[in-house]
Amino acid sequence: MSDKKHPPSPPQMSPYVFTILLLGFGLWCFWDGWLNTDPEMAEYALFNQVLSAVLIPWAIWDFFKVKKKYKKR
């Protein structure tokens, strides 16, 4: 009975998924807030500028935090 093979473990999600999502959304907000010239989007520019200023540094911080955590292992 000890020779039973264990089923393969399910695939693991990358620890950088959250970081990539933060960076992607932050870059999209950066483009939409700072580089977009569409006059219809002008009313949302300040929101996107602030959000990009929050999300991009958060993504960079999270990248180094995750890298440090997995380097310890």
Protein backbone atom coordinates (compact mmCIF):
# COMPACT_ATOMS: atom_id res chain seq x y z
CA MET A 1 0.00 0.00 0.00
CA SER A 2 2.92 2.35 0.52
CA ASP A 3 3.77 2.08 -3.19
CA LYS A 4 0.70 4.08 -4.18
CA LYS A 5 1.62 6.97 -6.38
CA HIS A 6 0.37 10.35 -5.35
CA PRO A 7 -1.55 12.24 -8.00
CA PRO A 8 0.39 15.18 -9.40
CA SER A 9 -0.15 18.42 -7.58
CA PRO A 10 -2.14 21.09 -9.39
CA PRO A 11 -0.16 23.82 -11.11
CA GLN A 12 0.89 26.63 -8.84
CA MET A 13 0.15 30.25 -9.62
CA SER A 14 3.17 32.52 -9.97
CA PRO A 15 3.81 34.73 -6.93
CA TYR A 16 4.22 37.68 -9.30
CA VAL A 17 0.64 37.65 -10.63
CA PHE A 18 -0.51 40.38 -8.24
CA THR A 19 2.60 42.43 -9.06
CA ILE A 20 1.98 42.15 -12.80
CA LEU A 21 -1.67 43.14 -12.38
CA LEU A 22 -0.71 46.17 -10.28
CA LEU A 23 1.91 47.26 -12.78
CA GLY A 24 -0.37 46.72 -15.77
CA PHE A 25 -3.22 48.67 -14.26
CA GLY A 26 -0.82 51.38 -13.08
CA LEU A 27 0.66 51.76 -16.56
CA TRP A 28 -2.80 51.90 -18.09
CA CYS A 29 -3.77 54.65 -15.63
CA PHE A 30 -0.49 56.45 -16.39
CA TRP A 31 -1.24 56.41 -20.10
CA ASP A 32 -4.85 57.43 -19.58
CA GLY A 33 -4.02 60.19 -17.10
CA TRP A 34 -0.84 61.70 -18.53
CA LEU A 35 -0.56 60.80 -22.23
CA ASN A 36 -4.12 60.53 -23.49
CA THR A 37 -5.31 63.57 -25.45
CA ASP A 38 -8.96 62.53 -25.77
CA PRO A 39 -11.06 65.49 -24.53
CA GLU A 40 -13.83 63.15 -23.31
CA MET A 41 -11.39 61.57 -20.86
CA ALA A 42 -10.18 64.89 -19.43
CA GLU A 43 -12.59 64.69 -16.49
CA TYR A 44 -10.94 61.40 -15.39
CA ALA A 45 -7.35 62.57 -15.84
CA LEU A 46 -6.73 63.55 -12.23
CA PHE A 47 -8.09 60.23 -10.94
CA ASN A 48 -5.84 58.29 -13.32
CA GLN A 49 -2.81 60.44 -12.47
CA VAL A 50 -3.23 59.82 -8.76
CA LEU A 51 -3.95 56.13 -9.25
CA SER A 52 -0.86 55.68 -11.42
CA ALA A 53 1.23 57.45 -8.77
CA VAL A 54 -0.03 54.91 -6.22
CA LEU A 55 -0.11 51.68 -8.24
CA ILE A 56 3.26 51.83 -9.99
CA PRO A 57 5.32 52.33 -6.80
CA TRP A 58 3.18 49.69 -5.08
CA ALA A 59 3.97 47.22 -7.88
CA ILE A 60 7.69 47.96 -7.63
CA TRP A 61 7.61 47.54 -3.84
CA ASP A 62 5.65 44.29 -4.16
CA PHE A 63 8.12 42.94 -6.74
CA PHE A 64 11.06 43.39 -4.39
CA LYS A 65 9.09 42.05 -1.42
CA VAL A 66 8.17 38.86 -3.30
CA LYS A 67 11.69 38.50 -4.71
CA LYS A 68 13.17 38.78 -1.22
CA LYS A 69 10.67 36.27 0.17
CA TYR A 70 11.44 33.66 -2.46
CA LYS A 71 15.18 34.30 -2.31
CA LYS A 72 15.05 33.37 1.40
CA ARG A 73 13.65 29.94 0.60
